[in-house]
Protein backbone atom coordinates (compact mmCIF):
# COMPACT_ATOMS: atom_id res chain seq x y z
CA MET A 1 -0.31 0.13 -0.36
CA ARG A 2 1.23 3.51 -1.20
CA GLU A 3 1.75 6.12 1.57
CA THR A 4 0.77 9.60 0.93
CA ASN A 5 1.16 11.06 4.16
CA PHE A 6 3.86 13.12 3.54
CA GLU A 7 5.54 13.97 7.76
CA THR A 8 5.51 10.02 7.98
CA ILE A 9 7.38 9.95 4.39
CA LEU A 10 9.90 12.78 5.38
CA LYS A 11 10.69 11.87 9.10
CA GLY A 12 10.57 8.31 8.21
CA ARG A 13 13.05 8.00 5.55
CA ARG A 14 16.88 6.75 6.73
CA SER A 15 19.72 5.67 5.04
CA VAL A 16 18.88 1.81 5.43
CA ARG A 17 22.43 -0.30 4.15
CA ASN A 18 21.04 -2.84 4.56
CA TYR A 19 18.70 -4.56 2.32
CA ASP A 20 16.57 -7.94 1.24
CA PRO A 21 18.26 -9.40 -1.69
CA THR A 22 14.69 -11.53 -2.68
CA VAL A 23 12.61 -8.80 -3.41
CA LYS A 24 12.90 -7.15 -6.78
CA ILE A 25 11.77 -4.17 -7.80
CA SER A 26 9.98 -3.97 -11.44
CA LYS A 27 10.69 -2.09 -14.88
CA GLU A 28 7.40 -0.81 -14.70
CA GLU A 29 7.55 0.57 -11.16
CA MET A 30 11.20 1.86 -11.24
CA SER A 31 10.23 3.55 -14.13
CA GLU A 32 7.24 5.34 -12.30
CA LEU A 33 9.45 5.93 -9.31
CA LEU A 34 12.21 7.86 -10.82
CA SER A 35 9.30 9.52 -13.45
CA GLU A 36 8.65 10.71 -10.50
CA ALA A 37 11.89 11.70 -9.17
CA THR A 38 12.38 13.65 -11.90
CA LEU A 39 9.03 15.61 -11.61
CA ALA A 40 12.30 17.77 -9.02
CA PRO A 41 12.91 21.72 -10.05
CA SER A 42 16.16 22.09 -12.55
CA SER A 43 17.28 25.33 -13.63
CA VAL A 44 15.16 26.72 -16.87
CA ASN A 45 13.30 22.90 -17.75
CA MET A 46 16.85 21.85 -18.46
CA GLN A 47 17.05 18.14 -16.79
CA PRO A 48 20.56 17.05 -17.33
CA TRP A 49 20.02 13.96 -14.69
CA ARG A 50 20.97 11.40 -16.20
CA PHE A 51 20.01 7.39 -15.14
CA ILE A 52 21.84 3.99 -15.01
CA VAL A 53 19.51 1.26 -12.51
CA ALA A 54 21.35 -1.38 -11.73
CA GLU A 55 20.12 -4.17 -10.73
CA SER A 56 21.48 -7.39 -12.42
CA GLU A 57 24.46 -9.79 -11.70
CA GLU A 58 26.32 -8.70 -14.70
CA ALA A 59 25.47 -4.50 -13.28
CA LYS A 60 26.70 -4.98 -9.92
CA ALA A 61 29.47 -7.13 -10.55
CA ILE A 62 31.22 -4.35 -12.73
CA LEU A 63 30.25 -1.53 -10.01
CA LYS A 64 31.44 -3.59 -7.06
CA PRO A 65 34.87 -2.47 -7.59
CA LEU A 66 34.34 0.91 -7.56
CA ILE A 67 31.74 1.64 -4.74
CA ARG A 68 34.81 1.16 -1.93
CA PHE A 69 33.13 0.84 1.45
CA ASN A 70 29.55 0.16 0.05
CA THR A 71 29.50 -3.08 -1.02
CA LEU A 72 27.10 -4.42 1.71
CA GLN A 73 24.41 -1.68 -1.07
CA ASN A 74 25.08 -3.56 -4.22
CA GLU A 75 24.92 -7.41 -2.79
CA THR A 76 21.50 -6.83 -0.69
CA SER A 77 20.11 -3.36 -2.87
CA ALA A 78 16.92 -4.26 -5.43
CA ALA A 79 19.06 -1.67 -7.31
CA MET A 80 21.65 0.76 -6.70
CA ILE A 81 20.69 3.77 -9.28
CA LEU A 82 23.55 5.50 -10.79
CA ILE A 83 22.95 9.19 -11.19
CA PHE A 84 24.64 11.46 -13.54
CA GLY A 85 24.99 14.57 -14.97
CA ASP A 86 24.29 15.39 -18.72
CA MET A 87 27.05 18.39 -19.58
CA ASN A 88 25.46 19.00 -23.01
CA CYS A 89 21.65 18.67 -21.31
CA TYR A 90 21.22 22.01 -23.58
CA GLU A 91 21.08 19.45 -26.67
CA PHE A 92 17.52 18.72 -25.36
CA ALA A 93 15.90 22.45 -24.70
CA GLU A 94 14.03 22.18 -27.89
CA GLU A 95 12.64 18.91 -27.58
CA ILE A 96 11.61 19.85 -23.95
CA TYR A 97 9.81 23.16 -24.73
CA GLU A 98 8.31 22.09 -28.03
CA GLN A 99 6.95 18.84 -25.44
CA ALA A 100 5.83 22.26 -23.30
CA VAL A 101 3.54 23.75 -26.01
CA ALA A 102 2.41 20.99 -27.65
CA GLU A 103 0.32 20.39 -23.75
CA GLY A 104 -0.31 24.29 -24.20
CA LYS A 105 1.88 25.03 -21.27
CA MET A 106 4.26 27.76 -23.19
CA PRO A 107 3.03 29.65 -25.88
CA GLU A 108 4.59 29.32 -29.17
CA GLU A 109 6.83 32.62 -28.71
CA VAL A 110 7.56 32.47 -25.65
CA LYS A 111 9.40 29.33 -26.97
CA ASP A 112 11.47 30.49 -29.68
CA LYS A 113 11.85 33.24 -27.07
CA GLN A 114 13.94 31.48 -23.84
CA LEU A 115 15.49 28.67 -26.48
CA GLU A 116 17.35 31.78 -28.41
CA ALA A 117 18.84 33.18 -24.98
CA ILE A 118 18.65 29.73 -23.49
CA ILE A 119 20.85 27.61 -25.61
CA PRO A 120 23.42 30.47 -26.22
CA HIS A 121 23.76 31.33 -22.71
CA TYR A 122 24.44 26.89 -21.85
CA LYS A 123 26.79 26.30 -24.16
CA SER A 124 28.76 29.73 -22.94
CA PHE A 125 29.17 28.16 -19.25
CA SER A 126 33.15 26.75 -18.18
CA PRO A 127 33.12 23.20 -17.47
CA GLU A 128 33.59 23.83 -13.59
CA LYS A 129 30.64 25.97 -14.10
CA MET A 130 28.72 23.88 -16.00
CA ASN A 131 29.84 21.06 -13.36
CA ASP A 132 28.47 22.92 -10.34
CA VAL A 133 24.75 23.07 -12.35
CA ILE A 134 24.16 19.53 -13.06
CA LYS A 135 25.33 18.32 -9.88
CA ILE A 136 22.72 20.80 -8.06
CA ASP A 137 20.02 19.76 -10.86
CA GLY A 138 21.12 15.59 -10.20
CA SER A 139 20.68 16.56 -6.40
CA LEU A 140 17.55 17.78 -6.47
CA ALA A 141 15.59 14.98 -8.48
CA ALA A 142 17.65 12.58 -6.21
CA MET A 143 16.16 13.69 -3.21
CA GLN A 144 13.27 13.81 -4.67
CA LEU A 145 13.74 9.73 -5.50
CA MET A 146 14.70 9.10 -1.94
CA LEU A 147 11.42 10.57 -0.80
CA VAL A 148 9.31 8.92 -3.36
CA ALA A 149 10.92 6.11 -2.72
CA ARG A 150 9.40 5.49 0.59
CA ALA A 151 6.13 6.35 -0.47
CA HIS A 152 6.54 3.66 -2.76
CA GLY A 153 7.38 1.20 1.12
CA TYR A 154 11.11 1.62 -0.06
CA ASP A 155 14.48 2.17 1.83
CA THR A 156 17.26 4.13 0.38
CA ASN A 157 21.31 5.24 0.64
CA PRO A 158 23.05 8.39 -0.80
CA ILE A 159 26.52 6.89 -1.81
CA GLY A 160 28.66 9.41 -1.75
CA GLY A 161 31.84 6.73 -2.28
CA PHE A 162 32.83 5.67 -5.51
CA GLU A 163 35.27 5.81 -7.72
CA GLN A 164 33.39 8.86 -9.77
CA ASP A 165 36.69 9.32 -12.70
CA GLN A 166 35.78 5.33 -13.68
CA LEU A 167 32.17 4.94 -13.10
CA ALA A 168 30.34 6.25 -16.38
CA GLU A 169 33.66 4.44 -18.15
CA ALA A 170 32.64 1.17 -16.44
CA PHE A 171 29.85 1.81 -17.70
CA GLY A 172 29.76 3.13 -21.43
CA LEU A 173 29.01 6.45 -21.15
CA ASP A 174 31.45 9.52 -22.67
CA ALA A 175 33.41 10.51 -19.26
CA SER A 176 33.60 14.41 -19.97
CA ARG A 177 29.90 14.01 -20.39
CA TYR A 178 28.25 12.43 -18.81
CA ILE A 179 29.99 13.52 -15.09
CA PRO A 180 28.90 11.44 -11.20
CA VAL A 181 26.22 12.81 -8.70
CA MET A 182 25.51 9.84 -7.06
CA ILE A 183 23.89 6.25 -6.70
CA VAL A 184 21.42 5.86 -4.55
CA SER A 185 20.97 1.89 -3.38
CA ILE A 186 17.19 0.96 -2.78
CA GLY A 187 15.15 -2.41 -1.46
CA LYS A 188 13.12 -3.30 0.69
CA ALA A 189 14.57 -3.19 4.74
CA VAL A 190 15.60 -5.52 6.81
CA GLU A 191 16.89 -3.16 9.57
CA GLU A 192 15.29 -0.19 10.48
CA GLY A 193 18.73 2.60 9.28
CA TYR A 194 19.82 4.66 12.28
CA GLU A 195 17.96 7.62 13.88
CA SER A 196 20.17 10.53 13.55
CA VAL A 197 20.01 14.48 15.01
CA ARG A 198 20.21 17.23 12.81
CA LEU A 199 21.73 21.01 14.70
CA PRO A 200 19.05 23.19 15.45
CA ILE A 201 17.95 25.88 13.37
CA ASP A 202 19.03 29.03 15.38
CA LYS A 203 23.02 27.89 14.92
CA ILE A 204 22.68 27.06 10.99
CA THR A 205 20.79 30.41 10.05
CA GLU A 206 20.17 33.90 10.43
CA TRP A 207 17.09 35.90 10.15
CA LYS A 208 18.01 40.03 8.83
């Protein structure tokens, strides 16, 4: 049964590292999870996130030597979701904005004006600037994915401990174009994740 109470989803999220290895997630449901995750915002709606769902034994074997101390997640999860940012995401700008026009969400003249400004602007970014943009946007999608997973009855663990310089090529991607953002393990937890603490707001916030 799907959880719809947002407070339950939000406050019940834990970083879970050990999953029931017999529980799989169908391609249909995983597609639904990712579709809901990509409702996250992105700069000028460029949607630079790209995913690889590593669920087969073969894919997990490729991943194993690249994930350092995160092998338990790899061995027991239903899947390891590799999230990349596309340095050439602007190549999809026309498709994205034309779809908005087709669905009545944007007038044709607005689309033309936006594309005329956005594409040259994105092309002018330095590699460092584009890297920042796609990692911010990719992280928004990752966080939304973890909450969506909770709503579907699964648990997750965001993973940053992996060989970032090797991940793209290991899965057949152009490493100069596709930049790793993070890996999210997903599955049915067999043990609860640790409840953690947060610094008080008055220690980390200023009102001016």
